[in-house]
Amino acid sequence: MRVVVDVSPAVNSKAGLGRYAATLVEHLRHTWVGEHLYLFYNRRHGGTVPWNLSTFPSRRVSLGYKPWRMLVWLGHVGRIPFDRLLPSDTRLFHATEHLLLPLRHIPAVFTVHDLIFEKFPQYHKPLNLFYLKHTVPVFVRRSAAVITISQASKQDLISLYRVPAQKIHVIYEAPAPHFRPVPPENIAAIQRKYHLPPRYLLTVGTLEPRKNLVTLLRSFEKVYASGLVDALVIVGQKGWLYEDFFNALENSSVRDRVILTGFVPDEDLPAVYAGALVFVFPSYYEGFGLPLLEAMAVGVPVVASSAPPLPEIGGDAALYASPDQCEEFVTQILAYLRDETLREEMRERGWRRARQFSWERTATQTAAVYAQVLAQGTG
C-alpha cells in the first residue's frame, strides 16, 4: 500500500507552501504512514528536492508551472484520470497545494491553505485569479477530505463553498524545531552578515499586497521619529503587485532606513528574528500566519494585525492593531519600545504559546485523517 504526498511546492518553492509540504513529510515518517510513504512532484526548471526528502521513493513529471496547471485542469474538465502517474498500489493521495490531480480510483486529501483569492481578489493577478476561482471549488468537491490550517479558513470554506463541516479538518502548522532562542554571538554574526543595525523592527513574508507593507512603512516613519529604533527590516522575496509599496518607499522620508534582505536561508532566519526589537505582522489576511509563531518561538515580542486568523494563532501572546489603522500599530510598537517589562512579559507568553504547536502533532493529526479516509474506502 502506498500513501502518496505531492511535494511539488517543496521542490519548486522556498515559501510557506514548500515548508509545509517538506516538514509534514519529514514528520509523517515517524507515524504509521512512514512505511507506506511515497512522494510525487512536478519539477519545474531549477527545482530541487530538499535534502530531507531525498531518501523517499518518488515519481515526478517535469513540466512548467503553467503547462502542468492547465493539464491538471483539463484532466478534471474531461474526466481524464491521472492514476497512472502514481504507483499501482496507491491507496491515497494528498495534495499539499492548491492543485489536485484528477483521480478515478484513488481517494484524495486536499489541503486548502487559504481562500485569499475569494476574499481579496484584487490581490491576485487576473489569470491566476481566474484559474483558482474555477478549479479550487472543483478540487474541494472531488476530494474525500479537506485539511485547512485555521478555524478562520474552515469558516471560509463553509460560507463560500458550502463544504460540510465534517469534511473539513483543522490542523495547525508549527514553527520548525530550529526556531528557538539564539545565543547573542550568533545574532551578532547574522547582523554582520546582513548588515543589520542593533535596533530594528522586522517583518517576514513575500512582498505582495495582502502583507500590508504600505501601512507598515507609514507606521515605521512615525516610530522612527521617536529615536527608539534604527531600521525596518523586510525579509522576503518579491511576489506580485508590489509596485504600490515600492512607490511609497521611494517617496518615504525613511527610505534609507528600510532594509530589504530578499530571501534569507532557513538556517539564518532564527537569528534574524532574534535580533529584532519587535516583530510586526500587519497582514490583511493569512491562512495561518506562521512567521508570527516563529518570532514567538525565538523570543521576539509581536505586534500583529487583528485580521483573522492571527488572533486565533497568537492568542494573548501578541499585541494587535486593526490592519488599516496606522496609529494603532504605532501605539503598540511604541508600547514595547518604551517598556522593557512589557517586552519581557510578552516574550514569556510567546514562548509558551509557540510551544503549544508542534509538527509532531500536525503529522499525527494528518495521519489520522488519512486513516479515516482509508477506512471509508474499505467500509
Protein backbone atom coordinates (compact mmCIF):
# COMPACT_ATOMS: atom_id res chain seq x y z
CA MET A 1 0.00 0.00 0.00
CA ARG A 2 1.23 3.48 -0.89
CA VAL A 3 0.24 6.84 0.56
CA VAL A 4 1.43 9.42 -1.96
CA VAL A 5 2.07 13.02 -0.97
CA ASP A 6 2.52 15.74 -3.60
CA VAL A 7 5.59 17.72 -2.54
CA SER A 8 5.79 19.93 -5.63
CA PRO A 9 5.79 23.15 -3.57
CA ALA A 10 8.81 21.91 -1.58
CA VAL A 11 10.71 21.09 -4.78
CA ASN A 12 9.91 24.34 -6.59
CA SER A 13 9.47 26.95 -3.87
CA LYS A 14 11.13 28.24 -0.73
CA ALA A 15 7.94 29.92 0.53
CA GLY A 16 5.37 28.78 3.07
CA LEU A 17 3.70 26.08 0.97
CA GLY A 18 7.07 24.46 0.35
CA ARG A 19 7.91 24.47 4.04
CA TYR A 20 4.53 22.93 4.84
CA ALA A 21 4.97 20.05 2.40
CA ALA A 22 8.57 19.27 3.32
CA THR A 23 8.12 19.50 7.10
CA LEU A 24 4.90 17.50 7.06
CA VAL A 25 6.50 14.63 5.15
CA GLU A 26 9.55 14.66 7.39
CA HIS A 27 7.31 14.15 10.44
CA LEU A 28 4.90 11.71 8.78
CA ARG A 29 7.93 9.44 8.61
CA HIS A 30 7.51 8.81 12.34
CA THR A 31 3.80 7.87 12.18
CA TRP A 32 2.16 4.71 10.84
CA VAL A 33 2.29 6.38 7.39
CA GLY A 34 6.10 6.21 7.30
CA GLU A 35 6.44 2.70 5.89
CA HIS A 36 3.87 3.48 3.18
CA LEU A 37 5.05 6.96 2.24
CA TYR A 38 5.75 7.80 -1.40
CA LEU A 39 6.32 11.20 -2.98
CA PHE A 40 5.10 12.77 -6.19
CA TYR A 41 6.09 16.12 -7.67
CA ASN A 42 6.19 18.26 -10.77
CA ARG A 43 9.76 19.56 -11.03
CA ARG A 44 9.93 22.87 -12.80
CA HIS A 45 13.16 24.29 -14.23
CA GLY A 46 15.55 24.94 -11.35
CA GLY A 47 13.56 22.90 -8.84
CA THR A 48 15.46 20.67 -6.43
CA VAL A 49 14.35 18.02 -3.97
CA PRO A 50 15.10 19.17 -0.39
CA TRP A 51 17.72 17.03 1.33
CA ASN A 52 15.25 15.80 3.95
CA LEU A 53 13.01 14.35 1.22
CA SER A 54 15.69 12.82 -0.95
CA THR A 55 15.57 9.36 0.66
CA PHE A 56 11.89 8.76 -0.04
CA PRO A 57 10.80 6.80 -3.13
CA SER A 58 9.16 9.12 -5.61
CA ARG A 59 7.76 9.77 -9.05
CA ARG A 60 7.88 13.00 -10.92
CA VAL A 61 6.82 14.86 -14.01
CA SER A 62 8.88 17.72 -15.39
CA LEU A 63 6.63 20.40 -16.80
CA GLY A 64 6.50 24.14 -16.44
CA TYR A 65 4.23 25.72 -13.87
CA LYS A 66 1.51 26.87 -16.26
CA PRO A 67 1.51 23.79 -18.55
CA TRP A 68 1.14 21.45 -15.58
CA ARG A 69 -1.68 23.51 -14.06
CA MET A 70 -3.53 23.59 -17.39
CA LEU A 71 -3.04 19.86 -17.91
CA VAL A 72 -4.45 19.09 -14.46
CA TRP A 73 -7.45 21.35 -15.09
CA LEU A 74 -8.13 19.76 -18.49
CA GLY A 75 -7.96 16.37 -16.81
CA HIS A 76 -10.71 17.42 -14.42
CA VAL A 77 -12.83 19.01 -17.15
CA GLY A 78 -12.51 15.98 -19.42
CA ARG A 79 -12.77 13.47 -16.58
CA ILE A 80 -9.39 12.04 -17.63
CA PRO A 81 -7.82 10.24 -14.65
CA PHE A 82 -4.13 10.65 -13.88
CA ASP A 83 -4.00 7.46 -11.77
CA ARG A 84 -1.24 6.02 -13.97
CA LEU A 85 1.17 8.70 -12.82
CA LEU A 86 1.14 7.10 -9.37
CA PRO A 87 2.28 3.63 -8.22
CA SER A 88 -0.26 0.90 -8.92
CA ASP A 89 -0.70 0.16 -5.21
CA THR A 90 -1.52 3.78 -4.27
CA ARG A 91 -4.42 3.89 -1.83
CA LEU A 92 -4.46 7.61 -1.01
CA PHE A 93 -3.14 10.85 -2.50
CA HIS A 94 -2.53 14.10 -0.58
CA ALA A 95 -2.37 17.40 -2.47
CA THR A 96 -0.43 19.88 -0.33
CA GLU A 97 -1.00 22.93 -2.52
CA HIS A 98 -4.00 24.24 -4.47
CA LEU A 99 -3.61 21.68 -7.26
CA LEU A 100 -5.32 18.28 -7.11
CA LEU A 101 -4.65 15.54 -9.68
CA PRO A 102 -7.77 14.18 -11.37
CA LEU A 103 -8.04 10.67 -9.96
CA ARG A 104 -10.67 7.99 -10.51
CA HIS A 105 -9.88 5.11 -8.17
CA ILE A 106 -7.68 6.85 -5.59
CA PRO A 107 -9.26 8.96 -2.81
CA ALA A 108 -7.61 12.32 -2.19
CA VAL A 109 -6.94 14.58 0.76
CA PHE A 110 -6.70 18.23 -0.25
CA THR A 111 -5.04 20.95 1.86
CA VAL A 112 -6.59 24.41 1.48
CA HIS A 113 -4.16 26.92 2.93
CA ASP A 114 -6.42 29.93 2.43
CA LEU A 115 -9.12 31.45 0.22
CA ILE A 116 -7.41 34.80 -0.27
CA PHE A 117 -8.35 34.78 -3.95
CA GLU A 118 -12.04 34.68 -2.98
CA LYS A 119 -11.94 37.26 -0.19
CA PHE A 120 -9.39 39.65 -1.70
CA PRO A 121 -9.44 39.07 -5.47
CA GLN A 122 -7.69 42.41 -6.04
CA TYR A 123 -4.54 40.90 -4.56
CA HIS A 124 -4.14 38.35 -7.36
CA LYS A 125 -3.09 38.57 -10.96
CA PRO A 126 -6.08 38.14 -13.31
CA LEU A 127 -5.01 34.80 -14.86
CA ASN A 128 -4.15 33.24 -11.51
CA LEU A 129 -7.43 34.51 -10.06
CA PHE A 130 -9.39 33.03 -12.99
CA TYR A 131 -7.67 29.67 -12.56
CA LEU A 132 -8.17 29.43 -8.80
CA LYS A 133 -11.81 30.50 -8.90
CA HIS A 134 -12.60 27.81 -11.46
CA THR A 135 -10.51 24.97 -10.04
CA VAL A 136 -10.37 25.13 -6.25
CA PRO A 137 -14.13 24.59 -5.78
CA VAL A 138 -13.82 21.51 -8.01
CA PHE A 139 -10.79 20.22 -6.12
CA VAL A 140 -12.59 20.66 -2.79
CA ARG A 141 -15.69 18.88 -4.06
CA ARG A 142 -13.77 15.94 -5.52
CA SER A 143 -11.55 15.33 -2.50
CA ALA A 144 -12.51 12.81 0.17
CA ALA A 145 -11.34 15.11 2.96
CA VAL A 146 -10.13 18.68 3.25
CA ILE A 147 -7.40 19.84 5.61
CA THR A 148 -7.13 23.52 6.42
CA ILE A 149 -4.81 25.33 8.79
CA SER A 150 -7.08 27.58 10.86
CA GLN A 151 -10.64 27.80 12.10
CA ALA A 152 -10.97 31.03 10.11
CA SER A 153 -10.21 29.19 6.87
CA LYS A 154 -12.65 26.43 7.81
CA GLN A 155 -15.39 29.01 8.18
CA ASP A 156 -14.44 30.48 4.81
CA LEU A 157 -14.80 27.05 3.20
CA ILE A 158 -18.20 26.55 4.78
CA SER A 159 -19.55 30.01 3.93
CA LEU A 160 -18.10 30.35 0.42
CA TYR A 161 -18.26 26.77 -0.87
CA ARG A 162 -20.87 25.20 1.42
CA VAL A 163 -18.46 22.42 2.35
CA PRO A 164 -19.92 20.14 5.04
CA ALA A 165 -18.19 20.88 8.33
CA GLN A 166 -17.46 17.19 8.93
CA LYS A 167 -15.40 17.05 5.72
CA ILE A 168 -13.00 19.77 6.96
CA HIS A 169 -10.18 19.04 9.41
CA VAL A 170 -8.37 21.97 11.03
CA ILE A 171 -4.74 21.02 11.59
CA TYR A 172 -2.39 23.78 12.69
CA GLU A 173 1.13 24.26 11.41
CA ALA A 174 4.04 24.90 13.78
CA PRO A 175 7.46 26.54 13.88
CA ALA A 176 10.30 24.27 12.81
CA PRO A 177 12.39 22.96 15.73
CA HIS A 178 15.34 25.25 14.97
CA PHE A 179 13.22 28.31 15.77
CA ARG A 180 14.27 28.78 19.38
CA PRO A 181 16.23 31.36 21.43
CA VAL A 182 19.55 32.24 19.78
CA PRO A 183 22.88 32.94 21.55
CA PRO A 184 23.98 36.61 21.38
CA GLU A 185 27.13 35.75 19.41
CA ASN A 186 25.03 34.07 16.70
CA ILE A 187 22.76 37.09 16.50
CA ALA A 188 25.78 39.38 16.14
CA ALA A 189 27.22 37.23 13.35
CA ILE A 190 23.96 37.30 11.38
CA GLN A 191 23.63 41.04 11.86
CA ARG A 192 27.09 41.47 10.37
CA LYS A 193 26.26 39.11 7.50
CA TYR A 194 23.13 41.02 6.50
CA HIS A 195 24.36 44.48 7.58
CA LEU A 196 21.62 44.90 10.16
CA PRO A 197 21.76 47.66 12.78
CA PRO A 198 21.45 46.95 16.51
CA ARG A 199 17.86 48.20 16.80
CA TYR A 200 15.36 47.16 14.14
CA LEU A 201 11.76 46.24 13.55
CA LEU A 202 11.20 43.11 11.47
CA THR A 203 8.60 41.61 9.19
CA VAL A 204 8.86 38.38 7.19
CA GLY A 205 6.87 37.35 4.12
CA THR A 206 6.57 37.51 0.36
CA LEU A 207 6.22 41.06 -0.97
CA GLU A 208 2.59 41.20 -2.09
CA PRO A 209 -0.39 43.47 -1.38
CA ARG A 210 -2.07 41.44 1.37
CA LYS A 211 1.05 41.78 3.52
CA ASN A 212 0.02 45.43 4.02
CA LEU A 213 3.56 46.76 3.74
CA VAL A 214 2.47 50.32 2.95
CA THR A 215 0.76 50.58 6.34
CA LEU A 216 3.87 49.10 7.95
CA LEU A 217 6.04 51.69 6.20
CA ARG A 218 3.82 54.56 7.34
CA SER A 219 3.88 53.20 10.87
CA PHE A 220 7.66 52.91 10.81
CA GLU A 221 8.01 56.52 9.70
CA LYS A 222 6.32 57.62 12.93
CA VAL A 223 8.11 55.10 15.14
CA TYR A 224 11.48 56.08 13.67
CA ALA A 225 10.81 59.69 14.64
CA SER A 226 10.78 58.58 18.29
CA GLY A 227 14.51 57.80 18.10
CA LEU A 228 13.96 54.34 19.61
CA VAL A 229 14.69 52.28 16.51
CA ASP A 230 17.22 52.41 13.68
CA ALA A 231 15.66 50.48 10.79
CA LEU A 232 12.83 48.41 9.41
CA VAL A 233 13.99 45.05 8.05
CA ILE A 234 11.79 43.28 5.49
CA VAL A 235 12.68 39.65 4.79
CA GLY A 236 11.10 38.04 1.74
CA GLN A 237 11.20 37.69 -2.00
CA LYS A 238 9.22 39.81 -4.44
CA GLY A 239 5.86 38.22 -5.15
CA TRP A 240 3.36 40.15 -7.25
CA LEU A 241 1.58 43.52 -7.41
CA TYR A 242 4.21 45.08 -5.18
CA GLU A 243 4.54 48.33 -7.14
CA ASP A 244 2.48 50.41 -4.70
CA PHE A 245 4.84 49.52 -1.88
CA PHE A 246 7.97 50.42 -3.84
CA ASN A 247 6.39 53.70 -4.97
CA ALA A 248 5.59 54.53 -1.34
CA LEU A 249 9.12 53.55 -0.30
CA GLU A 250 10.72 55.70 -2.96
CA ASN A 251 8.84 58.75 -1.67
CA SER A 252 9.26 57.96 2.03
CA SER A 253 11.36 60.05 4.40
CA VAL A 254 12.79 56.81 5.84
CA ARG A 255 13.61 55.01 2.58
CA ASP A 256 17.28 54.80 3.55
CA ARG A 257 16.31 53.13 6.85
CA VAL A 258 14.37 50.29 5.24
CA ILE A 259 16.45 47.16 4.59
CA LEU A 260 15.16 44.65 2.03
CA THR A 261 17.11 41.43 2.52
CA GLY A 262 15.33 39.37 -0.13
CA PHE A 263 15.30 35.64 0.55
CA VAL A 264 17.06 34.55 3.77
CA PRO A 265 18.00 30.86 4.14
CA ASP A 266 16.06 28.95 6.73
CA GLU A 267 19.13 28.36 8.87
CA ASP A 268 19.71 32.14 9.22
CA LEU A 269 16.13 33.13 9.95
CA PRO A 270 16.03 32.43 13.72
CA ALA A 271 18.93 34.80 14.36
CA VAL A 272 17.39 37.48 12.11
CA TYR A 273 14.20 37.20 14.16
CA ALA A 274 16.07 37.14 17.46
CA GLY A 275 17.93 40.35 16.71
CA ALA A 276 14.72 42.35 16.25
CA LEU A 277 13.28 44.60 18.93
CA VAL A 278 9.74 43.89 17.71
CA PHE A 279 8.27 41.65 15.02
CA VAL A 280 5.42 43.35 13.13
CA PHE A 281 2.92 41.36 11.08
CA PRO A 282 0.32 43.75 9.60
CA SER A 283 -1.22 41.38 7.04
CA TYR A 284 -4.77 41.86 5.80
CA TYR A 285 -5.28 38.10 5.56
CA GLU A 286 -3.39 34.89 6.25
CA GLY A 287 -4.25 31.23 6.05
CA PHE A 288 -2.28 30.67 9.24
CA GLY A 289 0.48 33.22 9.86
CA LEU A 290 3.49 31.04 10.62
CA PRO A 291 6.01 33.93 10.95
CA LEU A 292 4.06 35.11 13.99
CA LEU A 293 4.80 31.82 15.79
CA GLU A 294 8.38 31.72 14.52
CA ALA A 295 9.01 35.11 16.12
CA MET A 296 7.45 33.97 19.38
CA ALA A 297 9.49 30.77 19.39
CA VAL A 298 12.77 32.70 19.32
CA GLY A 299 11.60 35.20 21.93
CA VAL A 300 10.63 38.34 19.99
CA PRO A 301 7.60 40.40 21.08
CA VAL A 302 4.93 40.58 18.36
CA VAL A 303 2.54 43.22 17.05
CA ALA A 304 0.10 41.63 14.61
CA SER A 305 -2.91 42.59 12.58
CA SER A 306 -6.24 41.83 14.21
CA ALA A 307 -7.46 40.29 10.93
CA PRO A 308 -8.33 36.57 11.12
CA PRO A 309 -6.74 34.18 11.85
CA LEU A 310 -3.86 35.96 13.57
CA PRO A 311 -5.57 36.42 16.97
CA GLU A 312 -6.60 32.75 16.75
CA ILE A 313 -2.94 31.76 16.36
CA GLY A 314 -1.28 34.33 18.60
CA GLY A 315 -3.79 34.31 21.43
CA ASP A 316 -2.82 36.58 24.33
CA ALA A 317 0.87 36.42 23.43
CA ALA A 318 0.78 39.35 20.97
CA LEU A 319 -0.48 42.92 20.76
CA TYR A 320 -2.92 43.60 17.92
CA ALA A 321 -3.85 46.51 15.67
CA SER A 322 -6.51 46.96 13.01
CA PRO A 323 -4.84 46.40 9.63
CA ASP A 324 -5.91 49.80 8.24
CA GLN A 325 -5.07 51.78 11.36
CA CYS A 326 -1.50 53.03 11.17
CA GLU A 327 -1.82 54.85 14.50
CA GLU A 328 -2.78 51.62 16.28
CA PHE A 329 0.40 49.94 15.01
CA VAL A 330 2.46 52.93 16.11
CA THR A 331 0.90 52.83 19.59
CA GLN A 332 1.50 49.10 20.03
CA ILE A 333 5.07 49.18 18.73
CA LEU A 334 5.98 52.13 20.95
CA ALA A 335 4.43 50.36 23.93
CA TYR A 336 7.06 47.64 23.52
CA LEU A 337 9.93 50.00 22.81
CA ARG A 338 9.22 52.10 25.90
CA ASP A 339 8.50 49.29 28.36
CA GLU A 340 11.11 46.59 28.98
CA THR A 341 8.81 44.89 31.49
CA LEU A 342 6.10 44.52 28.84
CA ARG A 343 8.63 43.15 26.35
CA GLU A 344 9.79 40.51 28.84
CA GLU A 345 6.24 39.54 29.76
CA MET A 346 5.27 39.09 26.12
CA ARG A 347 8.45 37.17 25.33
CA GLU A 348 7.47 34.68 28.04
CA ARG A 349 3.92 34.46 26.75
CA GLY A 350 5.23 33.99 23.22
CA TRP A 351 7.49 31.11 24.18
CA ARG A 352 4.61 29.40 25.97
CA ARG A 353 2.25 30.00 23.05
CA ALA A 354 4.68 28.70 20.42
CA ARG A 355 5.23 25.50 22.42
CA GLN A 356 1.54 24.67 22.05
CA PHE A 357 2.16 23.99 18.35
CA SER A 358 4.30 21.12 17.06
CA TRP A 359 4.89 19.34 13.79
CA GLU A 360 4.67 16.02 15.61
CA ARG A 361 1.07 16.87 16.45
CA THR A 362 0.46 18.14 12.90
CA ALA A 363 1.74 14.88 11.42
CA THR A 364 -0.20 12.71 13.89
CA GLN A 365 -3.44 14.54 13.13
CA THR A 366 -2.80 14.37 9.39
CA ALA A 367 -2.13 10.63 9.61
CA ALA A 368 -5.46 10.28 11.44
CA VAL A 369 -7.24 11.97 8.53
CA TYR A 370 -5.55 9.53 6.14
CA ALA A 371 -6.72 6.60 8.27
CA GLN A 372 -10.26 7.92 8.30
CA VAL A 373 -10.33 8.28 4.50
CA LEU A 374 -8.87 4.79 4.02
CA ALA A 375 -11.44 3.35 6.41
CA GLN A 376 -14.24 4.99 4.44
CA GLY A 377 -12.90 3.39 1.29
CA THR A 378 -12.94 -0.08 2.80
CA GLY A 379 -16.06 0.27 4.89
